[in-house]
């Protein structure tokens, strides 16, 4: 990522340059950092957790890779229609936009803002997965085939500033897609 700098130097006084070389360097607004990827941690009163070496008990999975070649190390690796997870960004991310939903082979990842800066100054964005599902066949004794995605599928979500510059990326690889066959 590139960074913009504003340079401000002391002015010239009475036609003579002030014999100082002071300059104040002010970085442009600093964007937050993607820290955690949080699934739903509770279901039916049970508390779920991931492996201790890649897991924070309050925030979920630690980001494993920002390198496109190893997005397969990141959460999630499995999906189903309607499942979601949250991107937790520490720092200034209130103005990020994520563009249009990303679709590959019938599976879509949509990013929406969940919260603005909270007490820890985390900003959360929800990623919802939609894709092949069989809800309209739940009570049909003669269910038919549904679309089958060609897996694995790599998704790269890009957060941009108001000028459209890429400032945060998160990628993951779906290895499996589950379909609920009964209601």
C-alpha atoms as a PDB file:
ATOM      1  CA  UNK A   1       0.000   0.000   0.000  1.00  0.00           C
ATOM      2  CA  UNK A   2       1.272   3.433  -0.797  1.00  0.00           C
ATOM      3  CA  UNK A   3       1.126   6.242   1.709  1.00  0.00           C
ATOM      4  CA  UNK A   4       0.628   9.935   0.998  1.00  0.00           C
ATOM      5  CA  UNK A   5       2.633  12.516   2.900  1.00  0.00           C
ATOM      6  CA  UNK A   6       1.989  16.222   3.498  1.00  0.00           C
ATOM      7  CA  UNK A   7       5.198  18.215   3.975  1.00  0.00           C
ATOM      8  CA  UNK A   8       5.074  21.524   5.800  1.00  0.00           C
ATOM      9  CA  UNK A   9       8.209  23.661   6.199  1.00  0.00           C
ATOM     10  CA  UNK A  10       8.814  26.932   7.980  1.00  0.00           C
ATOM     11  CA  UNK A  11       8.187  30.019   5.815  1.00  0.00           C
ATOM     12  CA  UNK A  12      10.688  32.527   4.430  1.00  0.00           C
ATOM     13  CA  UNK A  13      10.932  35.674   6.623  1.00  0.00           C
ATOM     14  CA  UNK A  14      11.821  39.173   5.249  1.00  0.00           C
ATOM     15  CA  UNK A  15      13.141  37.745   2.005  1.00  0.00           C
ATOM     16  CA  UNK A  16      15.630  35.598   3.935  1.00  0.00           C
ATOM     17  CA  UNK A  17      15.274  31.927   4.397  1.00  0.00           C
ATOM     18  CA  UNK A  18      15.129  30.964   8.055  1.00  0.00           C
ATOM     19  CA  UNK A  19      18.276  29.061   8.782  1.00  0.00           C
ATOM     20  CA  UNK A  20      16.482  25.966   9.983  1.00  0.00           C
ATOM     21  CA  UNK A  21      15.577  22.764   8.301  1.00  0.00           C
ATOM     22  CA  UNK A  22      12.574  21.838  10.424  1.00  0.00           C
ATOM     23  CA  UNK A  23       9.811  20.031   8.590  1.00  0.00           C
ATOM     24  CA  UNK A  24       6.740  18.374   9.961  1.00  0.00           C
ATOM     25  CA  UNK A  25       5.774  15.182   8.162  1.00  0.00           C
ATOM     26  CA  UNK A  26       2.124  14.268   8.589  1.00  0.00           C
ATOM     27  CA  UNK A  27       1.011  10.903   7.268  1.00  0.00           C
ATOM     28  CA  UNK A  28      -2.378  10.714   5.583  1.00  0.00           C
ATOM     29  CA  UNK A  29      -5.153   9.194   7.661  1.00  0.00           C
ATOM     30  CA  UNK A  30      -4.097   5.725   8.735  1.00  0.00           C
ATOM     31  CA  UNK A  31      -6.464   2.894   8.003  1.00  0.00           C
ATOM     32  CA  UNK A  32      -7.208   0.139  10.428  1.00  0.00           C
ATOM     33  CA  UNK A  33      -5.761  -3.321  10.342  1.00  0.00           C
ATOM     34  CA  UNK A  34      -7.768  -6.497   9.836  1.00  0.00           C
ATOM     35  CA  UNK A  35      -7.153  -8.387  13.061  1.00  0.00           C
ATOM     36  CA  UNK A  36      -9.760 -11.126  13.415  1.00  0.00           C
ATOM     37  CA  UNK A  37     -12.316 -13.137  11.483  1.00  0.00           C
ATOM     38  CA  UNK A  38     -15.166 -14.013  13.810  1.00  0.00           C
ATOM     39  CA  UNK A  39     -17.732 -16.748  13.215  1.00  0.00           C
ATOM     40  CA  UNK A  40     -20.829 -17.084  15.388  1.00  0.00           C
ATOM     41  CA  UNK A  41     -19.241 -18.192  18.669  1.00  0.00           C
ATOM     42  CA  UNK A  42     -22.399 -19.433  20.368  1.00  0.00           C
ATOM     43  CA  UNK A  43     -25.193 -21.719  19.255  1.00  0.00           C
ATOM     44  CA  UNK A  44     -27.842 -23.216  21.481  1.00  0.00           C
ATOM     45  CA  UNK A  45     -26.069 -22.073  24.646  1.00  0.00           C
ATOM     46  CA  UNK A  46     -22.793 -23.769  23.686  1.00  0.00           C
ATOM     47  CA  UNK A  47     -19.571 -21.803  23.210  1.00  0.00           C
ATOM     48  CA  UNK A  48     -17.385 -22.758  20.248  1.00  0.00           C
ATOM     49  CA  UNK A  49     -13.671 -22.163  19.711  1.00  0.00           C
ATOM     50  CA  UNK A  50     -10.996 -22.845  17.124  1.00  0.00           C
ATOM     51  CA  UNK A  51      -7.458 -24.233  17.534  1.00  0.00           C
ATOM     52  CA  UNK A  52      -5.603 -22.353  20.304  1.00  0.00           C
ATOM     53  CA  UNK A  53      -2.662 -21.273  18.114  1.00  0.00           C
ATOM     54  CA  UNK A  54      -4.872 -19.397  15.622  1.00  0.00           C
ATOM     55  CA  UNK A  55      -7.741 -18.376  17.900  1.00  0.00           C
ATOM     56  CA  UNK A  56      -8.639 -15.478  20.202  1.00  0.00           C
ATOM     57  CA  UNK A  57     -11.355 -16.447  22.727  1.00  0.00           C
ATOM     58  CA  UNK A  58     -13.301 -13.186  22.341  1.00  0.00           C
ATOM     59  CA  UNK A  59     -12.699 -12.336  18.695  1.00  0.00           C
ATOM     60  CA  UNK A  60     -12.338 -15.581  16.750  1.00  0.00           C
ATOM     61  CA  UNK A  61      -9.744 -16.555  14.165  1.00  0.00           C
ATOM     62  CA  UNK A  62      -6.495 -14.667  13.713  1.00  0.00           C
ATOM     63  CA  UNK A  63      -5.750 -13.713  10.112  1.00  0.00           C
ATOM     64  CA  UNK A  64      -3.319 -16.352   8.846  1.00  0.00           C
ATOM     65  CA  UNK A  65      -2.299 -14.884   5.507  1.00  0.00           C
ATOM     66  CA  UNK A  66      -2.657 -11.758   3.409  1.00  0.00           C
ATOM     67  CA  UNK A  67      -0.797 -13.434   0.535  1.00  0.00           C
ATOM     68  CA  UNK A  68      -3.069 -14.495  -2.319  1.00  0.00           C
ATOM     69  CA  UNK A  69      -1.139 -17.747  -2.724  1.00  0.00           C
ATOM     70  CA  UNK A  70      -2.011 -18.900   0.787  1.00  0.00           C
ATOM     71  CA  UNK A  71      -5.578 -17.668   1.300  1.00  0.00           C
ATOM     72  CA  UNK A  72      -6.392 -21.350   1.885  1.00  0.00           C
ATOM     73  CA  UNK A  73      -4.986 -20.910   5.421  1.00  0.00           C
ATOM     74  CA  UNK A  74      -7.706 -18.387   6.299  1.00  0.00           C
ATOM     75  CA  UNK A  75     -11.177 -18.949   7.740  1.00  0.00           C
ATOM     76  CA  UNK A  76     -13.653 -20.059   6.401  1.00  0.00           C
ATOM     77  CA  UNK A  77     -12.922 -23.168   4.369  1.00  0.00           C
ATOM     78  CA  UNK A  78     -16.523 -24.421   4.367  1.00  0.00           C
ATOM     79  CA  UNK A  79     -19.779 -22.630   3.678  1.00  0.00           C
ATOM     80  CA  UNK A  80     -23.530 -22.952   3.290  1.00  0.00           C
ATOM     81  CA  UNK A  81     -26.327 -20.645   2.219  1.00  0.00           C
ATOM     82  CA  UNK A  82     -26.874 -17.903   4.807  1.00  0.00           C
ATOM     83  CA  UNK A  83     -23.753 -18.549   6.879  1.00  0.00           C
ATOM     84  CA  UNK A  84     -21.829 -15.456   7.918  1.00  0.00           C
ATOM     85  CA  UNK A  85     -18.693 -14.271   9.658  1.00  0.00           C
ATOM     86  CA  UNK A  86     -17.431 -10.865  10.750  1.00  0.00           C
ATOM     87  CA  UNK A  87     -14.239  -9.067   9.743  1.00  0.00           C
ATOM     88  CA  UNK A  88     -12.942  -7.197  12.799  1.00  0.00           C
ATOM     89  CA  UNK A  89     -10.779  -4.239  11.900  1.00  0.00           C
ATOM     90  CA  UNK A  90      -8.858  -2.450  14.625  1.00  0.00           C
ATOM     91  CA  UNK A  91      -8.479   1.274  13.979  1.00  0.00           C
ATOM     92  CA  UNK A  92      -9.972   3.763  11.548  1.00  0.00           C
ATOM     93  CA  UNK A  93     -12.141   1.886   9.072  1.00  0.00           C
ATOM     94  CA  UNK A  94     -15.459   3.743   9.261  1.00  0.00           C
ATOM     95  CA  UNK A  95     -15.234   5.006   5.694  1.00  0.00           C
ATOM     96  CA  UNK A  96     -14.297   1.724   4.014  1.00  0.00           C
ATOM     97  CA  UNK A  97     -16.459   0.520   1.141  1.00  0.00           C
ATOM     98  CA  UNK A  98     -16.435  -3.019  -0.192  1.00  0.00           C
ATOM     99  CA  UNK A  99     -17.994  -2.617  -3.630  1.00  0.00           C
ATOM    100  CA  UNK A 100     -20.378  -5.098  -5.166  1.00  0.00           C
ATOM    101  CA  UNK A 101     -20.771  -8.649  -3.866  1.00  0.00           C
ATOM    102  CA  UNK A 102     -18.246 -11.178  -5.210  1.00  0.00           C
ATOM    103  CA  UNK A 103     -19.742 -14.199  -7.009  1.00  0.00           C
ATOM    104  CA  UNK A 104     -17.934 -17.332  -8.181  1.00  0.00           C
ATOM    105  CA  UNK A 105     -19.746 -20.328  -9.660  1.00  0.00           C
ATOM    106  CA  UNK A 106     -23.061 -19.565  -7.938  1.00  0.00           C
ATOM    107  CA  UNK A 107     -21.649 -18.684  -4.497  1.00  0.00           C
ATOM    108  CA  UNK A 108     -21.727 -15.028  -3.424  1.00  0.00           C
ATOM    109  CA  UNK A 109     -19.897 -13.228  -0.606  1.00  0.00           C
ATOM    110  CA  UNK A 110     -21.551  -9.936   0.406  1.00  0.00           C
ATOM    111  CA  UNK A 111     -19.881  -7.476   2.810  1.00  0.00           C
ATOM    112  CA  UNK A 112     -22.000  -5.064   4.879  1.00  0.00           C
ATOM    113  CA  UNK A 113     -21.152  -2.801   7.813  1.00  0.00           C
ATOM    114  CA  UNK A 114     -22.147  -4.316  11.150  1.00  0.00           C
ATOM    115  CA  UNK A 115     -20.852  -1.748  13.659  1.00  0.00           C
ATOM    116  CA  UNK A 116     -18.943   1.499  13.765  1.00  0.00           C
ATOM    117  CA  UNK A 117     -16.020   1.970  16.135  1.00  0.00           C
ATOM    118  CA  UNK A 118     -16.821   0.265  19.454  1.00  0.00           C
ATOM    119  CA  UNK A 119     -15.131   0.633  22.869  1.00  0.00           C
ATOM    120  CA  UNK A 120     -11.951  -1.056  21.591  1.00  0.00           C
ATOM    121  CA  UNK A 121     -12.201   0.984  18.380  1.00  0.00           C
ATOM    122  CA  UNK A 122     -12.978  -2.119  16.350  1.00  0.00           C
ATOM    123  CA  UNK A 123     -15.120  -1.780  13.254  1.00  0.00           C
ATOM    124  CA  UNK A 124     -17.003  -4.902  12.193  1.00  0.00           C
ATOM    125  CA  UNK A 125     -18.112  -5.844   8.711  1.00  0.00           C
ATOM    126  CA  UNK A 126     -20.359  -8.858   8.145  1.00  0.00           C
ATOM    127  CA  UNK A 127     -19.622 -11.245   5.275  1.00  0.00           C
ATOM    128  CA  UNK A 128     -22.670 -13.312   4.290  1.00  0.00           C
ATOM    129  CA  UNK A 129     -22.382 -16.316   1.996  1.00  0.00           C
ATOM    130  CA  UNK A 130     -25.239 -17.253  -0.322  1.00  0.00           C
ATOM    131  CA  UNK A 131     -25.339 -20.039  -2.851  1.00  0.00           C
ATOM    132  CA  UNK A 132     -26.891 -23.367  -3.773  1.00  0.00           C
ATOM    133  CA  UNK A 133     -29.619 -24.386  -1.328  1.00  0.00           C
ATOM    134  CA  UNK A 134     -32.627 -26.692  -1.264  1.00  0.00           C
ATOM    135  CA  UNK A 135     -35.166 -24.879   0.929  1.00  0.00           C
ATOM    136  CA  UNK A 136     -37.939 -25.160  -1.662  1.00  0.00           C
ATOM    137  CA  UNK A 137     -37.453 -28.957  -1.654  1.00  0.00           C
ATOM    138  CA  UNK A 138     -37.496 -29.583   2.104  1.00  0.00           C
ATOM    139  CA  UNK A 139     -40.974 -31.096   2.163  1.00  0.00           C
ATOM    140  CA  UNK A 140     -40.927 -32.563  -1.331  1.00  0.00           C
ATOM    141  CA  UNK A 141     -40.550 -36.368  -1.284  1.00  0.00           C
ATOM    142  CA  UNK A 142     -39.164 -36.185  -4.850  1.00  0.00           C
ATOM    143  CA  UNK A 143     -36.372 -33.673  -4.509  1.00  0.00           C
ATOM    144  CA  UNK A 144     -34.401 -32.758  -7.593  1.00  0.00           C
ATOM    145  CA  UNK A 145     -30.737 -31.985  -8.180  1.00  0.00           C
ATOM    146  CA  UNK A 146     -29.407 -28.564  -7.282  1.00  0.00           C
ATOM    147  CA  UNK A 147     -26.514 -26.596  -8.739  1.00  0.00           C
ATOM    148  CA  UNK A 148     -23.162 -27.962  -7.647  1.00  0.00           C
ATOM    149  CA  UNK A 149     -20.305 -25.447  -7.447  1.00  0.00           C
ATOM    150  CA  UNK A 150     -16.859 -26.417  -8.739  1.00  0.00           C
ATOM    151  CA  UNK A 151     -14.723 -26.217  -5.620  1.00  0.00           C
ATOM    152  CA  UNK A 152     -12.314 -25.004  -4.372  1.00  0.00           C
ATOM    153  CA  UNK A 153     -13.272 -21.338  -4.918  1.00  0.00           C
ATOM    154  CA  UNK A 154     -11.083 -18.397  -3.905  1.00  0.00           C
ATOM    155  CA  UNK A 155     -12.712 -15.187  -2.697  1.00  0.00           C
ATOM    156  CA  UNK A 156     -10.853 -11.907  -2.234  1.00  0.00           C
ATOM    157  CA  UNK A 157     -12.678  -9.092  -0.434  1.00  0.00           C
ATOM    158  CA  UNK A 158     -11.244  -5.612  -0.978  1.00  0.00           C
ATOM    159  CA  UNK A 159     -11.969  -2.603   1.245  1.00  0.00           C
ATOM    160  CA  UNK A 160     -11.387   0.766  -0.426  1.00  0.00           C
ATOM    161  CA  UNK A 161     -11.092   4.324   0.826  1.00  0.00           C
ATOM    162  CA  UNK A 162     -13.259   7.160  -0.490  1.00  0.00           C
ATOM    163  CA  UNK A 163     -10.866   7.726  -3.417  1.00  0.00           C
ATOM    164  CA  UNK A 164     -11.186   4.075  -4.430  1.00  0.00           C
ATOM    165  CA  UNK A 165      -7.716   3.056  -3.241  1.00  0.00           C
ATOM    166  CA  UNK A 166      -7.343  -0.504  -1.988  1.00  0.00           C
ATOM    167  CA  UNK A 167      -6.541  -0.363   1.727  1.00  0.00           C
ATOM    168  CA  UNK A 168      -7.570  -3.731   3.211  1.00  0.00           C
ATOM    169  CA  UNK A 169      -7.823  -7.183   1.616  1.00  0.00           C
ATOM    170  CA  UNK A 170      -9.000 -10.502   2.968  1.00  0.00           C
ATOM    171  CA  UNK A 171      -9.057 -13.739   1.050  1.00  0.00           C
ATOM    172  CA  UNK A 172     -10.312 -17.233   1.776  1.00  0.00           C
ATOM    173  CA  UNK A 173     -10.792 -20.487  -0.109  1.00  0.00           C
ATOM    174  CA  UNK A 174     -14.026 -22.485   0.147  1.00  0.00           C
ATOM    175  CA  UNK A 175     -13.199 -26.199  -0.020  1.00  0.00           C
ATOM    176  CA  UNK A 176     -16.696 -27.500   0.798  1.00  0.00           C
ATOM    177  CA  UNK A 177     -20.276 -26.259   0.385  1.00  0.00           C
ATOM    178  CA  UNK A 178     -23.062 -27.787   2.469  1.00  0.00           C
ATOM    179  CA  UNK A 179     -26.748 -27.947   1.540  1.00  0.00           C
ATOM    180  CA  UNK A 180     -29.482 -28.595   4.107  1.00  0.00           C
ATOM    181  CA  UNK A 181     -31.892 -31.171   2.654  1.00  0.00           C
ATOM    182  CA  UNK A 182     -34.523 -31.176   5.408  1.00  0.00           C
ATOM    183  CA  UNK A 183     -36.407 -28.565   7.448  1.00  0.00           C
END
